[in-house]
């Protein structure tokens, strides 16, 4: 499948919030999101994303791509970190393919969440443990 085909699959969200904010929320979601997208808050979030991906790579073989065309299998931890930081600095998208579970994780440099497309129940369970260890949440919209 191509990246675009995965984007049509069921997905889960790895987020700083424990569940989706309702459209009619009385809170100030967009102002809070803007706050978290600024430095140093977004740097701390991307550190957590890096940690989740590195821990995940202990259990899963991964392919990583900055552009959706050139893929690296099991890049070095420092390379994964550098790719995430590049994604953050230029607001590009990073794609992480989980070979054994046929799932795709995307991270966009202008978001405070990661999206996991087509995950198996086992993958969601593993990600729940990993995200919890970093103070993040995984939920299905």
Protein backbone atom coordinates (compact mmCIF):
# COMPACT_ATOMS: atom_id res chain seq x y z
CA UNK A 1 0.00 0.00 0.00
CA UNK A 2 1.02 3.59 -0.53
CA UNK A 3 1.01 6.19 2.25
CA UNK A 4 -2.14 7.70 0.74
CA UNK A 5 -3.89 4.31 0.90
CA UNK A 6 -3.08 3.99 4.61
CA UNK A 7 -4.60 7.42 5.22
CA UNK A 8 -7.96 5.92 4.23
CA UNK A 9 -7.72 3.12 6.85
CA UNK A 10 -9.10 3.15 10.41
CA UNK A 11 -6.82 5.06 12.75
CA UNK A 12 -5.91 5.82 16.35
CA UNK A 13 -4.39 9.01 17.74
CA UNK A 14 -1.39 9.30 20.08
CA UNK A 15 -1.95 12.59 21.84
CA UNK A 16 -1.20 14.81 24.80
CA UNK A 17 -4.94 14.72 25.58
CA UNK A 18 -6.75 11.57 26.81
CA UNK A 19 -9.64 11.83 24.32
CA UNK A 20 -10.96 13.88 21.43
CA UNK A 21 -12.17 17.37 22.34
CA UNK A 22 -15.86 17.71 21.38
CA UNK A 23 -16.66 20.28 18.71
CA UNK A 24 -19.02 22.05 21.14
CA UNK A 25 -16.48 22.19 23.99
CA UNK A 26 -16.70 25.29 26.18
CA UNK A 27 -12.91 25.25 26.60
CA UNK A 28 -10.37 27.07 24.49
CA UNK A 29 -8.86 24.15 22.57
CA UNK A 30 -7.34 26.19 19.73
CA UNK A 31 -5.62 28.65 22.07
CA UNK A 32 -4.26 25.77 24.15
CA UNK A 33 -3.10 23.95 21.02
CA UNK A 34 -1.34 27.12 19.85
CA UNK A 35 0.40 27.33 23.23
CA UNK A 36 1.64 23.72 22.93
CA UNK A 37 2.83 24.25 19.35
CA UNK A 38 5.27 26.92 20.58
CA UNK A 39 8.75 26.31 21.98
CA UNK A 40 9.68 24.86 24.45
CA UNK A 41 6.37 22.95 24.85
CA UNK A 42 6.47 21.36 21.38
CA UNK A 43 10.09 20.32 21.96
CA UNK A 44 9.02 18.33 25.02
CA UNK A 45 6.19 16.69 23.07
CA UNK A 46 8.52 15.69 20.24
CA UNK A 47 10.96 14.26 22.81
CA UNK A 48 8.10 12.02 23.99
CA UNK A 49 7.29 11.06 20.37
CA UNK A 50 10.96 10.18 19.82
CA UNK A 51 10.97 8.02 22.95
CA UNK A 52 7.81 6.18 21.88
CA UNK A 53 9.26 5.43 18.43
CA UNK A 54 12.60 4.30 19.83
CA UNK A 55 10.93 2.01 22.35
CA UNK A 56 8.60 0.70 19.64
CA UNK A 57 11.63 -0.10 17.48
CA UNK A 58 12.81 -2.46 20.24
CA UNK A 59 9.76 -4.63 19.46
CA UNK A 60 9.06 -3.90 15.80
CA UNK A 61 11.12 -3.53 12.66
CA UNK A 62 10.32 -0.12 11.23
CA UNK A 63 10.81 1.71 7.96
CA UNK A 64 11.00 5.50 8.19
CA UNK A 65 10.55 8.12 5.46
CA UNK A 66 10.68 11.92 5.39
CA UNK A 67 9.15 12.22 1.95
CA UNK A 68 7.11 9.04 1.48
CA UNK A 69 9.46 7.83 -1.26
CA UNK A 70 12.89 7.01 0.22
CA UNK A 71 12.60 4.60 3.16
CA UNK A 72 15.22 3.60 5.76
CA UNK A 73 14.90 0.31 7.64
CA UNK A 74 15.62 0.51 11.38
CA UNK A 75 17.52 3.82 11.27
CA UNK A 76 19.93 4.55 14.10
CA UNK A 77 18.29 6.15 17.16
CA UNK A 78 20.07 9.47 16.49
CA UNK A 79 18.75 9.39 12.90
CA UNK A 80 15.17 8.84 14.10
CA UNK A 81 15.60 11.78 16.47
CA UNK A 82 17.06 13.95 13.69
CA UNK A 83 14.19 13.08 11.33
CA UNK A 84 11.63 14.03 13.97
CA UNK A 85 13.41 17.32 14.65
CA UNK A 86 13.52 18.06 10.91
CA UNK A 87 9.81 17.31 10.72
CA UNK A 88 9.24 19.79 13.53
CA UNK A 89 11.47 22.50 12.08
CA UNK A 90 10.03 22.50 8.56
CA UNK A 91 6.51 21.26 9.39
CA UNK A 92 6.91 18.27 7.08
CA UNK A 93 5.51 14.78 7.63
CA UNK A 94 7.39 11.75 8.89
CA UNK A 95 6.03 8.29 8.09
CA UNK A 96 6.90 5.20 10.12
CA UNK A 97 5.85 1.81 8.74
CA UNK A 98 5.53 -1.14 11.13
CA UNK A 99 6.32 -4.14 8.98
CA UNK A 100 5.02 -7.01 11.14
CA UNK A 101 1.68 -5.36 11.87
CA UNK A 102 1.20 -3.54 8.55
CA UNK A 103 0.50 -0.23 10.28
CA UNK A 104 1.63 3.30 9.49
CA UNK A 105 2.37 6.10 11.95
CA UNK A 106 2.46 9.68 10.68
CA UNK A 107 3.82 12.71 12.48
CA UNK A 108 3.31 16.20 11.11
CA UNK A 109 5.51 19.05 12.29
CA UNK A 110 2.52 21.30 12.89
CA UNK A 111 0.55 18.89 15.14
CA UNK A 112 0.68 17.84 18.78
CA UNK A 113 -0.27 14.24 17.98
CA UNK A 114 0.77 11.21 15.95
CA UNK A 115 -1.70 9.16 13.92
CA UNK A 116 -1.57 5.35 13.69
CA UNK A 117 -3.29 3.89 10.63
CA UNK A 118 -4.42 0.28 10.31
CA UNK A 119 -3.06 -0.94 13.68
CA UNK A 120 -3.81 -4.44 14.92
CA UNK A 121 -5.21 -4.92 18.43
CA UNK A 122 -1.76 -6.12 19.52
CA UNK A 123 -0.11 -2.98 18.13
CA UNK A 124 -2.63 -0.74 19.91
CA UNK A 125 -1.96 -2.61 23.16
CA UNK A 126 1.81 -2.17 22.79
CA UNK A 127 1.45 1.49 21.85
CA UNK A 128 -0.83 2.06 24.84
CA UNK A 129 1.92 0.85 27.17
CA UNK A 130 4.61 2.87 25.40
CA UNK A 131 2.59 6.09 25.24
CA UNK A 132 1.55 5.73 28.87
CA UNK A 133 5.21 5.47 29.87
CA UNK A 134 5.75 8.90 28.25
CA UNK A 135 2.66 10.60 29.70
CA UNK A 136 0.79 10.42 26.39
CA UNK A 137 -2.54 8.81 25.47
CA UNK A 138 -3.84 6.70 22.61
CA UNK A 139 -7.48 6.89 21.60
CA UNK A 140 -9.77 6.08 18.68
CA UNK A 141 -11.83 8.97 17.26
